[in-house]
Amino acid sequence: TTVENIGNGALDVSIEGTDLTDGGASAIPVNEQIFATSTFTYSACVYCSALATTSANYELDLSKPTSTTPAITDEIFWGLAVPFGIAGTVHSGTNTFYAIGD
C-alpha cells in the first residue's frame, strides 16, 4: 500500500481492519494480517504490527510537502497467514487508513 502525504503537515497513519470472509462461515481473523514499512518474512518479523478491528497509530513520519513533486510517500507491506481449515474460496475484508498528525 502506498501512502502519500498531500496535506498541510507531517503525518502518520492509524490503521484498522476486519476479518477476511468468504461471505459464509469461513473467516481469516483480522490479526493474521500483519504489516511493516519494509519487506519481511511473516514467521520471523520482529518489527511487524498485527492488524486489529480497532485503530492503532503507526509511525510513517511522512514530512510536510513543500511542493507537488516529488511526492512524499511511504510503503506499507502486508503479510497474511491463512489458518489450517480455511475454505479455499475468495475472501475479502476492509482495511481503513486514517491520516493523523505526526
C-alpha atoms as a PDB file:
ATOM      1  CA  THR A   1       0.000   0.000   0.000  1.00  0.00           C
ATOM      2  CA  THR A   2       1.401   3.403  -0.934  1.00  0.00           C
ATOM      3  CA  VAL A   3       0.592   6.235   1.463  1.00  0.00           C
ATOM      4  CA  GLU A   4       1.053   9.742   0.035  1.00  0.00           C
ATOM      5  CA  ASN A   5       1.049  12.984   2.003  1.00  0.00           C
ATOM      6  CA  ILE A   6      -0.542  15.823   0.021  1.00  0.00           C
ATOM      7  CA  GLY A   7      -1.696  17.771   3.086  1.00  0.00           C
ATOM      8  CA  ASN A   8      -0.551  20.764   5.086  1.00  0.00           C
ATOM      9  CA  GLY A   9       1.541  18.967   7.699  1.00  0.00           C
ATOM     10  CA  ALA A  10       3.603  15.935   8.587  1.00  0.00           C
ATOM     11  CA  LEU A  11       1.592  12.777   9.184  1.00  0.00           C
ATOM     12  CA  ASP A  12       1.437   9.235  10.403  1.00  0.00           C
ATOM     13  CA  VAL A  13      -1.482   6.845   9.953  1.00  0.00           C
ATOM     14  CA  SER A  14      -3.925   4.975  12.095  1.00  0.00           C
ATOM     15  CA  ILE A  15      -4.977   1.614  10.644  1.00  0.00           C
ATOM     16  CA  GLU A  16      -7.838  -0.782  11.388  1.00  0.00           C
ATOM     17  CA  GLY A  17      -9.386  -3.706   9.553  1.00  0.00           C
ATOM     18  CA  THR A  18     -11.862  -6.547   9.502  1.00  0.00           C
ATOM     19  CA  ASP A  19     -11.692 -10.323   9.300  1.00  0.00           C
ATOM     20  CA  LEU A  20     -11.397 -11.651   5.760  1.00  0.00           C
ATOM     21  CA  THR A  21     -14.526 -13.674   4.971  1.00  0.00           C
ATOM     22  CA  ASP A  22     -15.903 -15.619   2.042  1.00  0.00           C
ATOM     23  CA  GLY A  23     -19.445 -14.421   2.711  1.00  0.00           C
ATOM     24  CA  GLY A  24     -20.206 -17.644   4.559  1.00  0.00           C
ATOM     25  CA  ALA A  25     -18.760 -19.397   7.576  1.00  0.00           C
ATOM     26  CA  SER A  26     -15.089 -19.211   6.531  1.00  0.00           C
ATOM     27  CA  ALA A  27     -13.076 -16.361   8.067  1.00  0.00           C
ATOM     28  CA  ILE A  28      -9.415 -15.435   8.368  1.00  0.00           C
ATOM     29  CA  PRO A  29      -9.032 -13.480  11.632  1.00  0.00           C
ATOM     30  CA  VAL A  30      -8.001  -9.835  11.264  1.00  0.00           C
ATOM     31  CA  ASN A  31      -4.867 -10.358  13.399  1.00  0.00           C
ATOM     32  CA  GLU A  32      -3.467 -12.800  10.808  1.00  0.00           C
ATOM     33  CA  GLN A  33      -2.795  -9.719   8.628  1.00  0.00           C
ATOM     34  CA  ILE A  34       0.497  -8.096   9.598  1.00  0.00           C
ATOM     35  CA  PHE A  35       2.258  -5.072   8.151  1.00  0.00           C
ATOM     36  CA  ALA A  36       5.530  -3.127   8.205  1.00  0.00           C
ATOM     37  CA  THR A  37       7.338  -0.394   6.272  1.00  0.00           C
ATOM     38  CA  SER A  38       9.744  -2.825   4.603  1.00  0.00           C
ATOM     39  CA  THR A  39       9.611  -6.318   3.163  1.00  0.00           C
ATOM     40  CA  PHE A  40       9.668  -9.155   5.685  1.00  0.00           C
ATOM     41  CA  THR A  41       9.308 -12.875   6.268  1.00  0.00           C
ATOM     42  CA  TYR A  42       5.980 -13.469   8.018  1.00  0.00           C
ATOM     43  CA  SER A  43       7.182 -16.017  10.567  1.00  0.00           C
ATOM     44  CA  ALA A  44      10.314 -14.081  11.526  1.00  0.00           C
ATOM     45  CA  CYS A  45       9.151 -10.458  11.574  1.00  0.00           C
ATOM     46  CA  VAL A  46      10.006  -8.734  14.855  1.00  0.00           C
ATOM     47  CA  TYR A  47       9.057  -5.211  13.724  1.00  0.00           C
ATOM     48  CA  CYS A  48       5.663  -6.014  12.180  1.00  0.00           C
ATOM     49  CA  SER A  49       2.320  -4.898  13.571  1.00  0.00           C
ATOM     50  CA  ALA A  50      -0.812  -7.031  13.551  1.00  0.00           C
ATOM     51  CA  LEU A  51      -3.973  -5.508  12.127  1.00  0.00           C
ATOM     52  CA  ALA A  52      -6.859  -5.143  14.595  1.00  0.00           C
ATOM     53  CA  THR A  53     -10.532  -4.170  14.499  1.00  0.00           C
ATOM     54  CA  THR A  54      -9.743  -1.024  16.484  1.00  0.00           C
ATOM     55  CA  SER A  55      -7.456   1.599  15.012  1.00  0.00           C
ATOM     56  CA  ALA A  56      -3.826   1.732  16.068  1.00  0.00           C
ATOM     57  CA  ASN A  57      -1.375   4.516  15.314  1.00  0.00           C
ATOM     58  CA  TYR A  58       1.534   3.605  13.057  1.00  0.00           C
ATOM     59  CA  GLU A  59       4.670   5.720  12.579  1.00  0.00           C
ATOM     60  CA  LEU A  60       5.324   6.641   8.954  1.00  0.00           C
ATOM     61  CA  ASP A  61       6.896  10.060   9.566  1.00  0.00           C
ATOM     62  CA  LEU A  62       5.725  11.484   6.240  1.00  0.00           C
ATOM     63  CA  SER A  63       7.055  15.030   6.226  1.00  0.00           C
ATOM     64  CA  LYS A  64       5.065  18.077   5.180  1.00  0.00           C
ATOM     65  CA  PRO A  65       5.188  18.502   1.391  1.00  0.00           C
ATOM     66  CA  THR A  66       6.984  21.611   0.162  1.00  0.00           C
ATOM     67  CA  SER A  67       5.935  21.133  -3.477  1.00  0.00           C
ATOM     68  CA  THR A  68       3.811  18.774  -5.562  1.00  0.00           C
ATOM     69  CA  THR A  69       6.884  16.910  -6.852  1.00  0.00           C
ATOM     70  CA  PRO A  70       8.445  14.742  -5.748  1.00  0.00           C
ATOM     71  CA  ALA A  71       5.559  13.249  -3.812  1.00  0.00           C
ATOM     72  CA  ILE A  72       6.070  12.443  -0.122  1.00  0.00           C
ATOM     73  CA  THR A  73       5.263   8.714   0.098  1.00  0.00           C
ATOM     74  CA  ASP A  74       5.932   5.616   2.136  1.00  0.00           C
ATOM     75  CA  GLU A  75       5.082   1.968   1.518  1.00  0.00           C
ATOM     76  CA  ILE A  76       3.257  -0.422   3.820  1.00  0.00           C
ATOM     77  CA  PHE A  77       3.995  -4.094   3.123  1.00  0.00           C
ATOM     78  CA  TRP A  78       1.471  -6.793   4.074  1.00  0.00           C
ATOM     79  CA  GLY A  79       1.641 -10.429   5.063  1.00  0.00           C
ATOM     80  CA  LEU A  80      -1.155 -12.915   5.623  1.00  0.00           C
ATOM     81  CA  ALA A  81      -1.249 -16.247   7.432  1.00  0.00           C
ATOM     82  CA  VAL A  82      -4.133 -18.468   6.401  1.00  0.00           C
ATOM     83  CA  PRO A  83      -5.009 -20.825   9.278  1.00  0.00           C
ATOM     84  CA  PHE A  84      -5.437 -24.545   8.606  1.00  0.00           C
ATOM     85  CA  GLY A  85      -9.001 -25.461   7.669  1.00  0.00           C
ATOM     86  CA  ILE A  86      -9.939 -22.196   5.952  1.00  0.00           C
ATOM     87  CA  ALA A  87     -12.040 -22.706   2.824  1.00  0.00           C
ATOM     88  CA  GLY A  88     -10.204 -22.357  -0.492  1.00  0.00           C
ATOM     89  CA  THR A  89     -12.595 -19.628  -1.635  1.00  0.00           C
ATOM     90  CA  VAL A  90     -12.167 -15.911  -2.282  1.00  0.00           C
ATOM     91  CA  HIS A  91     -12.062 -13.984   0.997  1.00  0.00           C
ATOM     92  CA  SER A  92     -12.368 -10.224   1.345  1.00  0.00           C
ATOM     93  CA  GLY A  93     -12.394  -7.578   4.048  1.00  0.00           C
ATOM     94  CA  THR A  94     -11.787  -3.893   4.610  1.00  0.00           C
ATOM     95  CA  ASN A  95      -8.680  -2.084   5.833  1.00  0.00           C
ATOM     96  CA  THR A  96      -9.157   1.578   6.761  1.00  0.00           C
ATOM     97  CA  PHE A  97      -6.387   4.192   6.955  1.00  0.00           C
ATOM     98  CA  TYR A  98      -6.765   7.493   8.849  1.00  0.00           C
ATOM     99  CA  ALA A  99      -4.279  10.348   8.464  1.00  0.00           C
ATOM    100  CA  ILE A 100      -3.101  11.633  11.849  1.00  0.00           C
ATOM    101  CA  GLY A 101      -0.693  14.437  12.663  1.00  0.00           C
ATOM    102  CA  ASP A 102       2.924  13.463  13.271  1.00  0.00           C
END
